[in-house]
Structures are given as structure tokens and as C-alpha cells.
N, C-alpha and C. Protein backbone atom coordinates (compact mmCIF):
# COMPACT_ATOMS: atom_id res chain seq x y z
N MET A 1 -163.40 232.10 23.26
CA MET A 1 -162.58 231.65 24.36
C MET A 1 -163.30 231.84 25.69
N LYS A 2 -163.99 232.99 25.83
CA LYS A 2 -164.70 233.27 27.08
C LYS A 2 -165.82 232.25 27.29
N ILE A 3 -166.46 231.86 26.20
CA ILE A 3 -167.54 230.87 26.31
C ILE A 3 -166.99 229.53 26.77
N ALA A 4 -165.83 229.15 26.25
CA ALA A 4 -165.22 227.88 26.64
C ALA A 4 -164.86 227.89 28.12
N VAL A 5 -164.29 228.98 28.61
CA VAL A 5 -163.93 229.09 30.03
C VAL A 5 -165.19 229.06 30.89
N LEU A 6 -166.22 229.78 30.49
CA LEU A 6 -167.47 229.80 31.24
C LEU A 6 -168.10 228.41 31.28
N THR A 7 -168.09 227.72 30.16
CA THR A 7 -168.63 226.36 30.10
C THR A 7 -167.86 225.44 31.04
N PHE A 8 -166.54 225.56 31.03
CA PHE A 8 -165.71 224.73 31.90
C PHE A 8 -166.02 225.00 33.37
N VAL A 9 -166.14 226.27 33.75
CA VAL A 9 -166.45 226.62 35.14
C VAL A 9 -167.81 226.08 35.53
N LEU A 10 -168.80 226.23 34.67
CA LEU A 10 -170.13 225.69 34.95
C LEU A 10 -170.09 224.18 35.09
N PHE A 11 -169.31 223.52 34.25
CA PHE A 11 -169.17 222.06 34.34
C PHE A 11 -168.59 221.67 35.69
N LEU A 12 -167.55 222.39 36.15
CA LEU A 12 -166.95 222.08 37.45
C LEU A 12 -167.94 222.29 38.58
N CYS A 13 -168.70 223.37 38.51
CA CYS A 13 -169.70 223.64 39.55
C CYS A 13 -170.77 222.56 39.58
N THR A 14 -171.23 222.15 38.41
CA THR A 14 -172.25 221.11 38.32
C THR A 14 -171.73 219.79 38.84
N THR A 15 -170.50 219.45 38.43
CA THR A 15 -169.90 218.20 38.87
C THR A 15 -169.74 218.20 40.38
N ASN A 16 -169.31 219.32 40.95
CA ASN A 16 -169.13 219.42 42.39
C ASN A 16 -170.46 219.28 43.10
N ALA A 17 -171.52 219.89 42.57
CA ALA A 17 -172.84 219.80 43.20
C ALA A 17 -173.35 218.37 43.17
N LEU A 18 -173.11 217.66 42.07
CA LEU A 18 -173.54 216.27 41.99
C LEU A 18 -172.74 215.40 42.95
N ALA A 19 -171.45 215.68 43.10
CA ALA A 19 -170.62 214.92 44.01
C ALA A 19 -171.05 215.15 45.45
N GLU A 20 -171.46 216.38 45.77
CA GLU A 20 -171.90 216.70 47.13
C GLU A 20 -173.13 215.87 47.50
N ALA A 21 -173.98 215.58 46.53
CA ALA A 21 -175.20 214.83 46.81
C ALA A 21 -174.89 213.42 47.29
N GLY A 22 -173.76 212.83 46.87
CA GLY A 22 -173.41 211.47 47.24
C GLY A 22 -172.57 211.38 48.49
N ARG A 23 -172.26 212.49 49.14
CA ARG A 23 -171.39 212.48 50.32
C ARG A 23 -172.19 212.27 51.58
N ALA A 24 -171.55 211.63 52.54
CA ALA A 24 -172.18 211.38 53.83
C ALA A 24 -171.72 212.45 54.82
N LEU A 25 -171.95 212.21 56.09
CA LEU A 25 -171.55 213.14 57.13
C LEU A 25 -170.03 213.26 57.17
N PRO A 26 -169.50 214.42 57.58
CA PRO A 26 -168.05 214.58 57.65
C PRO A 26 -167.40 213.57 58.59
N ALA A 27 -166.24 213.07 58.19
CA ALA A 27 -165.46 212.16 59.02
C ALA A 27 -164.06 212.74 59.12
N ASN A 28 -163.60 212.97 60.33
CA ASN A 28 -162.27 213.56 60.55
C ASN A 28 -162.14 214.92 59.88
N GLY A 29 -163.20 215.71 59.88
CA GLY A 29 -163.15 217.04 59.30
C GLY A 29 -163.23 217.05 57.79
N ARG A 30 -163.43 215.92 57.16
CA ARG A 30 -163.50 215.83 55.71
C ARG A 30 -164.77 215.09 55.33
N SER A 31 -165.17 215.25 54.10
CA SER A 31 -166.35 214.53 53.64
C SER A 31 -166.00 213.08 53.36
N LEU A 32 -166.92 212.22 53.62
CA LEU A 32 -166.73 210.80 53.36
C LEU A 32 -167.57 210.43 52.15
N SER A 33 -166.95 209.89 51.14
CA SER A 33 -167.66 209.50 49.93
C SER A 33 -167.66 207.99 49.82
N TYR A 34 -168.44 207.49 48.90
CA TYR A 34 -168.51 206.06 48.69
C TYR A 34 -168.25 205.74 47.24
N LEU A 35 -167.35 204.82 47.02
CA LEU A 35 -167.01 204.37 45.68
C LEU A 35 -167.85 203.14 45.38
N ASP A 36 -168.71 203.23 44.38
CA ASP A 36 -169.63 202.15 44.04
C ASP A 36 -168.93 201.18 43.09
N ILE A 37 -168.48 200.05 43.63
CA ILE A 37 -167.80 199.03 42.83
C ILE A 37 -168.82 198.26 42.01
N ASP A 38 -169.83 197.79 42.63
CA ASP A 38 -170.97 197.19 41.94
C ASP A 38 -172.20 197.46 42.80
N THR A 39 -173.31 196.87 42.48
CA THR A 39 -174.55 197.20 43.19
C THR A 39 -174.54 196.73 44.64
N SER A 40 -173.66 195.80 45.01
CA SER A 40 -173.68 195.29 46.37
C SER A 40 -172.50 195.78 47.22
N VAL A 41 -171.54 196.46 46.64
CA VAL A 41 -170.35 196.87 47.39
C VAL A 41 -170.15 198.38 47.29
N LEU A 42 -170.12 199.04 48.44
CA LEU A 42 -169.78 200.45 48.51
C LEU A 42 -168.54 200.59 49.39
N LEU A 43 -167.50 201.20 48.86
CA LEU A 43 -166.26 201.38 49.62
C LEU A 43 -166.13 202.84 50.05
N PRO A 44 -166.05 203.12 51.35
CA PRO A 44 -165.90 204.50 51.80
C PRO A 44 -164.46 204.97 51.60
N TYR A 45 -164.29 206.25 51.29
CA TYR A 45 -162.96 206.85 51.19
C TYR A 45 -163.06 208.33 51.53
N ASP A 46 -161.97 208.88 52.03
CA ASP A 46 -161.93 210.31 52.34
C ASP A 46 -161.84 211.08 51.04
N THR A 47 -162.70 212.06 50.88
CA THR A 47 -162.67 212.89 49.69
C THR A 47 -161.45 213.80 49.75
N PRO A 48 -160.61 213.80 48.72
CA PRO A 48 -159.43 214.66 48.75
C PRO A 48 -159.78 216.13 48.63
N GLY A 49 -158.91 216.98 49.14
CA GLY A 49 -159.09 218.41 49.02
C GLY A 49 -158.85 218.87 47.59
N PRO A 50 -159.21 220.10 47.27
CA PRO A 50 -159.11 220.57 45.89
C PRO A 50 -157.69 220.61 45.34
N PHE A 51 -156.69 220.84 46.18
CA PHE A 51 -155.31 220.91 45.70
C PHE A 51 -154.43 219.84 46.33
N GLU A 52 -155.03 218.82 46.90
CA GLU A 52 -154.27 217.75 47.54
C GLU A 52 -153.44 216.96 46.55
N TRP A 53 -153.82 216.99 45.29
CA TRP A 53 -153.07 216.25 44.26
C TRP A 53 -151.64 216.77 44.15
N ILE A 54 -151.43 218.05 44.49
CA ILE A 54 -150.08 218.61 44.40
C ILE A 54 -149.15 217.92 45.38
N SER A 55 -149.59 217.76 46.63
CA SER A 55 -148.74 217.13 47.62
C SER A 55 -148.69 215.61 47.45
N ALA A 56 -149.71 215.03 46.81
CA ALA A 56 -149.75 213.58 46.64
C ALA A 56 -148.99 213.10 45.41
N THR A 57 -148.67 214.00 44.48
CA THR A 57 -148.05 213.60 43.22
C THR A 57 -146.72 212.86 43.40
N PRO A 58 -145.77 213.34 44.20
CA PRO A 58 -144.50 212.60 44.32
C PRO A 58 -144.70 211.16 44.81
N GLY A 59 -145.52 210.98 45.83
CA GLY A 59 -145.78 209.64 46.34
C GLY A 59 -146.49 208.76 45.31
N ASN A 60 -147.42 209.36 44.56
CA ASN A 60 -148.13 208.61 43.53
C ASN A 60 -147.18 208.16 42.44
N LEU A 61 -146.25 209.03 42.04
CA LEU A 61 -145.29 208.65 41.00
C LEU A 61 -144.37 207.54 41.47
N MET A 62 -143.92 207.61 42.73
CA MET A 62 -143.06 206.53 43.24
C MET A 62 -143.83 205.22 43.32
N SER A 63 -145.06 205.30 43.76
CA SER A 63 -145.91 204.10 43.85
C SER A 63 -146.14 203.52 42.46
N PHE A 64 -146.39 204.38 41.49
CA PHE A 64 -146.59 203.93 40.10
C PHE A 64 -145.35 203.22 39.59
N GLY A 65 -144.18 203.78 39.87
CA GLY A 65 -142.93 203.17 39.43
C GLY A 65 -142.72 201.78 40.01
N ARG A 66 -143.15 201.56 41.24
CA ARG A 66 -143.01 200.23 41.86
C ARG A 66 -144.03 199.23 41.31
N ARG A 67 -145.19 199.71 40.90
CA ARG A 67 -146.26 198.80 40.50
C ARG A 67 -146.25 198.40 39.03
N ILE A 68 -145.60 199.12 38.15
CA ILE A 68 -145.73 198.82 36.73
C ILE A 68 -144.93 197.61 36.27
N LYS A 69 -144.00 197.13 37.09
CA LYS A 69 -143.20 195.95 36.75
C LYS A 69 -142.62 196.10 35.35
N PRO A 70 -141.64 196.98 35.19
CA PRO A 70 -141.13 197.33 33.87
C PRO A 70 -140.72 196.16 32.99
N MET A 71 -140.16 195.11 33.55
CA MET A 71 -139.70 194.00 32.72
C MET A 71 -140.88 193.29 32.05
N GLU A 72 -142.00 193.21 32.73
CA GLU A 72 -143.17 192.55 32.14
C GLU A 72 -143.82 193.42 31.07
N ASN A 73 -143.68 194.72 31.20
CA ASN A 73 -144.34 195.64 30.29
C ASN A 73 -143.36 196.41 29.41
N TYR A 74 -142.16 195.90 29.27
CA TYR A 74 -141.11 196.61 28.55
C TYR A 74 -141.53 196.98 27.13
N ALA A 75 -142.12 196.04 26.41
CA ALA A 75 -142.50 196.30 25.02
C ALA A 75 -143.57 197.41 24.95
N TRP A 76 -144.55 197.37 25.83
CA TRP A 76 -145.60 198.39 25.84
C TRP A 76 -145.04 199.76 26.20
N LEU A 77 -144.18 199.80 27.23
CA LEU A 77 -143.60 201.07 27.65
C LEU A 77 -142.70 201.65 26.56
N ALA A 78 -141.95 200.79 25.86
CA ALA A 78 -141.11 201.25 24.76
C ALA A 78 -141.98 201.83 23.63
N GLY A 79 -143.09 201.17 23.33
CA GLY A 79 -144.01 201.67 22.30
C GLY A 79 -144.61 203.01 22.67
N ILE A 80 -144.99 203.17 23.92
CA ILE A 80 -145.54 204.44 24.38
C ILE A 80 -144.48 205.54 24.29
N ALA A 81 -143.27 205.23 24.72
CA ALA A 81 -142.19 206.22 24.67
C ALA A 81 -141.87 206.60 23.23
N ALA A 82 -141.79 205.62 22.34
CA ALA A 82 -141.48 205.90 20.93
C ALA A 82 -142.57 206.74 20.28
N SER A 83 -143.82 206.40 20.53
CA SER A 83 -144.91 207.17 19.92
C SER A 83 -144.95 208.59 20.48
N SER A 84 -144.62 208.75 21.76
CA SER A 84 -144.57 210.08 22.35
C SER A 84 -143.48 210.92 21.71
N VAL A 85 -142.31 210.32 21.51
CA VAL A 85 -141.21 211.04 20.87
C VAL A 85 -141.60 211.45 19.46
N LEU A 86 -142.21 210.56 18.70
CA LEU A 86 -142.63 210.88 17.33
C LEU A 86 -143.68 211.99 17.31
N LEU A 87 -144.65 211.91 18.20
CA LEU A 87 -145.69 212.93 18.23
C LEU A 87 -145.13 214.29 18.64
N ILE A 88 -144.19 214.30 19.58
CA ILE A 88 -143.57 215.57 19.97
C ILE A 88 -142.75 216.12 18.81
N ARG A 89 -142.02 215.25 18.13
CA ARG A 89 -141.16 215.68 17.02
C ARG A 89 -141.98 216.29 15.88
N TYR A 90 -143.11 215.67 15.54
CA TYR A 90 -143.90 216.10 14.39
C TYR A 90 -145.15 216.89 14.77
N ASP A 91 -145.21 217.36 15.99
CA ASP A 91 -146.40 218.07 16.47
C ASP A 91 -146.74 219.29 15.60
N GLN A 92 -145.77 220.11 15.32
CA GLN A 92 -146.03 221.33 14.56
C GLN A 92 -146.48 221.01 13.14
N GLN A 93 -145.89 220.02 12.52
CA GLN A 93 -146.28 219.63 11.17
C GLN A 93 -147.71 219.07 11.15
N ILE A 94 -148.04 218.29 12.15
CA ILE A 94 -149.40 217.73 12.25
C ILE A 94 -150.40 218.86 12.46
N THR A 95 -150.05 219.82 13.31
CA THR A 95 -150.95 220.95 13.57
C THR A 95 -151.19 221.77 12.30
N ARG A 96 -150.12 222.07 11.56
CA ARG A 96 -150.27 222.84 10.33
C ARG A 96 -151.12 222.09 9.29
N ALA A 97 -150.89 220.79 9.15
CA ALA A 97 -151.67 220.00 8.19
C ALA A 97 -153.15 219.99 8.59
N ALA A 98 -153.43 219.87 9.88
CA ALA A 98 -154.82 219.87 10.34
C ALA A 98 -155.47 221.22 10.11
N GLN A 99 -154.72 222.30 10.31
CA GLN A 99 -155.27 223.63 10.08
C GLN A 99 -155.55 223.87 8.60
N LYS A 100 -154.69 223.36 7.72
CA LYS A 100 -154.93 223.49 6.28
C LYS A 100 -156.17 222.73 5.86
N LEU A 101 -156.35 221.55 6.46
CA LEU A 101 -157.51 220.72 6.10
C LEU A 101 -158.78 221.41 6.51
């Protein structure tokens, strides 16, 4: 378990160091990064803070709800919901069978 945690921490540090290499000068007190869409287009964006996802989650969920157009995707959403319910219901049985195997 300790090795897994150490590996994860090292991965985060490495990923952060690689991300720092692609950042430009600070803009508005934050780092400015570039999203490479293809070889000819670079889109600048403000790099989010480490815990900014917490405050952004409610707005992101509301935005997601407006964009998914439920009537067009009803069959897909129903399939996802049904499979989630089945997996939650049989999770323990699946885990035990996998451990026996």
C-alpha cells in the first residue's frame, strides 16, 4: 500500500513538473497554459488552482444538465443508469467471484 501511495505522489509531482514546462508568464496572478488543439491552433486558458474544482463543481453540474439534451439521449442515459444500478446491486458478488478466481 505504501508503494502505491508513493508511486501516486511521484506521478503527481512528475505530471506537475511537465505541466510547468508548458506554461507561459503569469497572467492575472495565475499561470497561463495553452491547449494544443492541433499543430496550428493553440488556445490560451487560465490554469485552475489545485482545489478550484470544489468551487466549480456546482456550476459544472448545472452546465452539464443544460447541455446533455436529455430527450435526444434518453436511451443512452437510461442504459447508463440501468447498468449502474445493476453494478451497484451485484458489486459484492462480483468482487467475491473475482477474488476466488
